Amino acid sequence: MDKRDTLWELFQKKNISRRDFLKTCVALTSLMGLSTELIPQVVEAAEQKPLPPVIWLHGHECTGCDESFIRSQSPLASDLVLNMIALEYMDVLASAAGEPLEHHLEETISKYAGQYLLVFEGAVPTAENGIYCMVGGKPILETLKHAASGALAIIENGSCAAWGGIQAARPNPTNSVAVSEVVRGKPIVKVPGCPPIPEVLTGTIMHFALFGQLPPVDSQGRPKQFFGNRIHDTCYRRPFFDSGMFVENFDDIASKAGWCLYKVGCRGPEAYNSCGNMRWWNGMSYPIQSGAPCVACAANNFWDNDPFYERLPNIPVPNTIANADKIGGILAGVTAAGVVAHGVASYIQHKVHQSKEEKAHGAGQQPEGDRDNE
C-alpha cells in the first residue's frame, strides 16, 4: 500500500464502504477516550491525515509486550499494523528478513526524518557501552539514539521502556535505564505495564496517527485518558472493601467468595491504570478478576517494591490516611450506633403509644391505631 495514504483513502482502495469507515471512526473515538462530540474531528483527521511511518525497536526485554499487543481486539493488532499505520520496521515481526531489514531501517530514518513515530520496547542497558543487548550487530543503545534523533515523537511501550523494568531492578548489573534517560529533547509518552493493556497502546498510537501529536499526559508522562483512575476506583470488588470484607488468606472462604484482596497485598488503592474498565482479551478478565492482587506493574520500580503479598500499610485517600483496620473500626462503630439509635427510637415510639392508650382509656375512647385496625 501507499505508505502515506490517509485512512479514508486506504478504505477506498480496499472497497470498504463509507458506512464502515464511519463506524471505525466512532470506535476509534471511544478507544482514545474522547468525547462523542469529537467524532467529526476524528472523521476529518482520518480523511485528511496521512498515515504516519512507524519504527518499532526492541531492547532489553522478554517480548511480553508484543505478546500482549498482538491480542488487541479493538482494533485488531493486524488492522493497526496493516491498515492504520505505515509500519516500516519491527524486528520481532520481520526477523526472517535478515540484513535487508536493517538496510530498510536506515532508509526509513533518512527518508522520513522528522516525520516518523518511534515505538520502543524494553530497557536500555548502558553498562560497557551497551554490549548486553545487541540487535543487527549493534548495541541497542546506539540504534536507539540514532533512530530517536530523527523521530517526531517516541512511545515507551511497557514498564521496561518506561522505567527500566525488571532489568533495572536491584542490583541492575547491566545498568539498564528507561528510554527517557538516554534520549533528550523529544516528545515522549509512557505506556507502562507488565505488559501494557494492548488497547492502551493502540489508542495512544491512533491518537498520534490521527492528530499528529501525542495525547495529553499526567505528571509522570502517561496518557491521562488511560491512567487517570486508580485500580481501586474501578474495581468490581470495591463494595467488599467499603464493607470491611477482606480475604485473609488465598485459600480461605472469603477468597472463594471474591472478597477484597487488599489484605493479601493488592496495590489497587495506589495503582493507576485501566485494568478495571478495559481488562484484557476484549474485556474478558484481568488479574484481580482471576483472584490475584494487583502488583502495580505500571508503577515505577515496581519490581523492587516487594514483597507483593503483604498489605499496604496505609491507603492513600485525599486529605486523610486510613487503613483496613480503621475502616473496619469505623464500620463497626457505625453499625453499633445504628443499633443503639434503632433501639432508642423503638423505645420512644413504644412510650408514645402507651401514653395514647392510657389517655384513651381515661376518656373512654380507643387509641387511633386501634380504631384504624378495626
Foldseek 3Di string as FASTA:
>chain_A
DPQFAALVVLCVVVVHDPVVVLVLLQLLCVLLLHDPVCSVLSSVLSHPFTAAEEAEEEWADDCVLVVQQCLDVSPHSCCCDPRRHPYQYDCVVPVVVPPVSVVSLVVCCVVQFLTHEYEYEAWQQPPPNQPVTDDNNHRVLVVLQSSLNRHQAYEYFEQCQLANPPCCAPPNPRNTGHSPVSDPDHHYAYQYDPHGRNSLVSSQSNCCRRVVDGADADPSRYHCSFFVDFLLVLAPQVVLLLLLNEDCDCPDVSLVVLHDLQQQAAPRLPATGNCSPCNGNRNPHHQSRVSHHHQNRRDHNSVNVDDRGHHDPWRDDPPDIHDSVVSVVVSVVVVVVVVVVVVVVVVVVVVVVVVQQVVQVVVVHHRPVVVVVD
